[in-house]
Protein backbone atom coordinates (compact mmCIF):
# COMPACT_ATOMS: atom_id res chain seq x y z
CA MET A 1 24.52 -12.68 -49.57
CA SER A 2 26.47 -9.61 -50.00
CA ASN A 3 25.04 -6.60 -51.81
CA ILE A 4 27.24 -4.96 -54.29
CA ILE A 5 26.45 -1.94 -56.39
CA ILE A 6 28.52 -1.24 -59.47
CA VAL A 7 28.25 2.64 -60.01
CA TYR A 8 29.51 3.47 -63.50
CA HIS A 9 29.54 5.72 -66.63
CA SER A 10 30.00 4.77 -70.10
CA GLY A 11 30.00 7.43 -72.85
CA TYR A 12 30.20 4.89 -75.82
CA GLY A 13 28.95 1.45 -74.31
CA HIS A 14 32.49 -0.20 -73.92
CA THR A 15 32.59 0.78 -70.08
CA LYS A 16 28.85 -0.64 -69.68
CA LYS A 17 30.07 -3.71 -71.41
CA VAL A 18 32.89 -4.12 -68.65
CA ALA A 19 30.38 -3.02 -65.94
CA GLU A 20 28.00 -5.89 -67.10
CA ALA A 21 30.96 -8.40 -67.02
CA VAL A 22 31.92 -7.31 -63.59
CA LEU A 23 28.29 -7.75 -62.60
CA THR A 24 28.10 -11.30 -63.95
CA GLY A 25 31.36 -12.33 -62.04
CA ALA A 26 29.93 -11.07 -58.82
CA ASN A 27 26.50 -12.57 -59.22
CA ASP A 28 27.87 -15.87 -60.18
CA ALA A 29 30.10 -15.77 -57.17
CA GLY A 30 26.99 -15.51 -54.90
CA ALA A 31 26.71 -11.82 -54.45
CA ASN A 32 23.43 -9.87 -55.03
CA GLY A 33 24.83 -7.24 -57.58
CA LYS A 34 23.28 -4.40 -59.19
CA LEU A 35 24.23 -1.84 -62.02
CA LEU A 36 23.83 1.92 -61.35
CA PRO A 37 24.59 4.21 -64.15
CA VAL A 38 25.44 7.62 -62.81
CA GLY A 39 22.84 9.36 -64.91
CA GLU A 40 19.97 7.31 -63.18
CA ILE A 41 20.80 8.22 -59.65
CA ASP A 42 17.80 9.45 -57.55
CA ASP A 43 17.21 9.52 -53.86
CA ALA A 44 16.44 5.82 -54.07
CA ALA A 45 19.57 5.08 -55.58
CA TRP A 46 21.59 6.92 -52.88
CA ALA A 47 19.83 4.95 -50.39
CA GLU A 48 20.91 1.58 -52.03
CA LEU A 49 24.52 3.07 -52.27
CA ASP A 50 24.27 3.85 -48.61
CA ALA A 51 22.98 0.20 -47.78
CA ALA A 52 25.51 -1.74 -50.20
CA ASP A 53 28.23 -3.81 -48.65
CA ALA A 54 30.50 -2.90 -51.46
CA ILE A 55 30.76 -0.16 -54.14
CA ILE A 56 32.49 -0.67 -57.38
CA PHE A 57 33.18 2.44 -59.19
CA GLY A 58 33.72 2.45 -63.06
CA ALA A 59 34.55 5.22 -65.43
CA PRO A 60 35.88 5.50 -69.01
CA THR A 61 39.31 7.30 -68.94
CA TYR A 62 39.10 10.37 -71.07
CA MET A 63 42.03 12.99 -71.22
CA GLY A 64 43.97 11.13 -68.54
CA GLY A 65 41.11 10.87 -65.97
CA PRO A 66 37.51 9.73 -65.20
CA SER A 67 34.69 11.22 -67.47
CA ALA A 68 33.09 14.49 -66.42
CA ASP A 69 29.75 12.67 -65.78
CA PHE A 70 31.53 10.23 -63.30
CA LYS A 71 33.18 13.03 -61.82
CA LYS A 72 29.58 14.64 -61.28
CA PHE A 73 28.55 11.85 -59.35
CA ALA A 74 31.72 11.65 -57.29
CA ASP A 75 31.16 15.48 -56.43
CA ALA A 76 27.54 14.66 -55.45
CA SER A 77 28.85 11.89 -53.16
CA SER A 78 29.98 14.71 -50.65
CA LYS A 79 26.54 14.09 -49.03
CA PRO A 80 26.93 10.52 -48.04
CA TRP A 81 30.78 11.56 -47.31
CA PHE A 82 29.66 14.18 -44.77
CA ALA A 83 27.83 11.53 -42.68
CA GLN A 84 30.34 8.78 -43.29
CA LYS A 85 27.67 6.44 -44.74
CA TRP A 86 30.18 4.62 -46.95
CA LYS A 87 32.75 4.05 -44.16
CA ASP A 88 34.16 0.64 -43.94
CA LYS A 89 32.42 -0.72 -47.10
CA ILE A 90 34.46 -2.25 -49.77
CA GLY A 91 35.57 -0.25 -52.43
CA ALA A 92 36.85 -1.29 -55.96
CA GLY A 93 37.08 0.29 -59.46
CA PHE A 94 37.76 -0.12 -63.12
CA THR A 95 38.42 1.83 -66.26
CA ASN A 96 38.37 1.49 -69.98
CA SER A 97 40.05 3.45 -72.58
CA ALA A 98 41.08 3.42 -76.31
CA THR A 99 44.66 2.87 -76.01
CA MET A 100 46.47 0.16 -74.12
CA ASN A 101 47.89 2.66 -71.50
CA GLY A 102 45.91 5.83 -72.03
CA ASP A 103 46.67 7.12 -68.57
CA LYS A 104 44.40 4.60 -67.02
CA PHE A 105 46.16 4.66 -63.83
CA SER A 106 45.36 8.28 -63.26
CA THR A 107 41.45 7.15 -63.26
CA ILE A 108 42.06 4.26 -61.03
CA SER A 109 44.08 6.60 -58.74
CA TYR A 110 41.11 9.00 -58.62
CA LEU A 111 38.82 6.11 -57.80
CA VAL A 112 40.97 4.80 -54.94
CA THR A 113 41.32 8.71 -53.56
CA LEU A 114 37.41 8.65 -53.84
CA ALA A 115 36.98 5.44 -51.74
CA MET A 116 39.58 6.79 -49.25
CA GLN A 117 37.71 10.08 -48.83
CA HIS A 118 34.75 8.03 -47.85
CA GLY A 119 36.66 5.75 -45.74
CA MET A 120 36.02 2.76 -47.71
CA ILE A 121 38.44 -0.39 -47.68
CA TRP A 122 39.96 -0.80 -51.47
CA ALA A 123 40.28 -4.16 -52.95
CA GLY A 124 42.31 -4.44 -55.97
CA THR A 125 42.23 -7.34 -58.63
CA GLY A 126 44.23 -9.90 -56.82
CA MET A 127 45.52 -11.20 -60.25
CA MET A 128 48.80 -11.63 -61.62
CA PRO A 129 49.49 -10.02 -65.05
CA SER A 130 49.71 -12.21 -68.28
CA ASN A 131 53.33 -11.25 -68.92
CA THR A 132 55.18 -14.15 -70.35
CA LYS A 133 56.43 -14.62 -73.97
CA ALA A 134 53.58 -16.90 -74.53
CA ALA A 135 50.94 -14.40 -73.43
CA MET A 136 48.05 -13.48 -75.78
CA ARG A 137 45.77 -10.42 -75.96
CA ASN A 138 42.63 -12.44 -74.69
CA ASP A 139 44.59 -13.81 -71.71
CA LEU A 140 43.45 -13.05 -68.13
CA ASN A 141 44.64 -9.26 -67.12
CA PHE A 142 46.63 -9.03 -70.10
CA VAL A 143 46.69 -5.12 -69.44
CA GLY A 144 48.16 -5.76 -66.19
CA GLY A 145 46.03 -3.99 -63.50
CA PHE A 146 46.65 -4.54 -59.80
CA THR A 147 45.07 -1.56 -58.16
CA GLY A 148 41.91 -1.89 -60.27
CA LEU A 149 40.69 -3.27 -63.32
CA LEU A 150 42.06 -2.21 -66.78
CA ALA A 151 40.29 -2.63 -70.07
CA GLN A 152 40.94 -1.33 -73.55
CA SER A 153 38.53 -0.65 -76.39
CA PRO A 154 39.88 0.81 -79.49
CA ALA A 155 38.11 4.18 -80.33
CA ASP A 156 36.85 3.22 -83.68
CA ALA A 157 35.30 -0.26 -82.31
CA SER A 158 31.67 -0.55 -81.40
CA PRO A 159 30.69 -1.95 -78.17
CA GLU A 160 29.86 -5.24 -79.91
CA GLU A 161 33.56 -5.46 -81.08
CA ALA A 162 35.24 -4.50 -77.87
CA PRO A 163 36.65 -4.65 -74.98
CA PRO A 164 38.29 -8.03 -76.13
CA VAL A 165 37.12 -11.24 -74.59
CA GLY A 166 40.20 -11.45 -72.43
CA ASP A 167 39.25 -8.18 -70.61
CA LEU A 168 35.69 -9.10 -70.10
CA GLU A 169 36.83 -12.40 -68.74
CA THR A 170 38.93 -10.43 -66.55
CA ALA A 171 36.08 -8.22 -65.54
CA LYS A 172 34.13 -11.47 -64.34
CA ALA A 173 37.16 -12.65 -62.32
CA PHE A 174 37.36 -9.18 -60.83
CA GLY A 175 33.86 -9.16 -59.97
CA ALA A 176 34.08 -12.64 -58.52
CA ARG A 177 37.05 -11.45 -56.31
CA ILE A 178 35.22 -8.37 -55.17
CA ALA A 179 32.27 -10.59 -54.10
CA ALA A 180 34.60 -12.92 -52.31
CA VAL A 181 36.45 -9.91 -50.57
CA THR A 182 33.11 -8.63 -49.62
CA ALA A 183 31.68 -12.00 -48.23
CA ARG A 184 34.71 -12.37 -46.09
CA TRP A 185 34.70 -8.74 -44.82
CA THR A 186 30.86 -8.73 -43.98
CA GLY A 187 30.65 -12.60 -42.96
CA ARG A 188 27.94 -13.05 -45.36
C-alpha cells in the first residue's frame, strides 16, 4: 500500500473540500492517504512527508498564484530539498479559484516547479477534457486540466455549495490516478 500525503492550504474551505475528494479517490484506490493542512506542519509532519511515496500539493489560486500560506510551506521545504529527501517521489497538484480560468495554470506551474526543485516525478490528471457540445458543468474534467487538477468555486459560494459535484468527482478520479501511478512506481 502506497503512502500518499495531500499537503494543502484552504482559505475559505473550498480547497479543503477538493483535498478531501482527492483523499477519498486515493484511499478508494488502495492507497494509504492522509490530509496535511500547511498550518499544522510540525517535525512529525515533516517526517511523514519525507517518508511518503507521493506528495500531492494543493493550493487555492489567489491573485494569479498559490496562496501565501502555501508559499510559506513551500519555502520551508528547502530543508528537505537540501537533503533531497523528496527525490524520486511522485508529485502531483491541484488548485481551486473563483473563476473558470482565474490564472489557475500559474499555480499549477508553481507546483510543478516546486516538485521539480525537489527532484520529484510529476503525474498529471491523465484525463481527457469534457469538451463536446453535449458537455455539462458536472462532467469529469469540465475545467480541462491536464498538468494538474483544476476546480472552480464561485467567490460568493459557501463550501457546502461549491466546488460543483463534477469537480469533486474529478478530484476523486485524480486521487485514484495518483494512487495507481504511485503503486506502479513503487511496486506496492
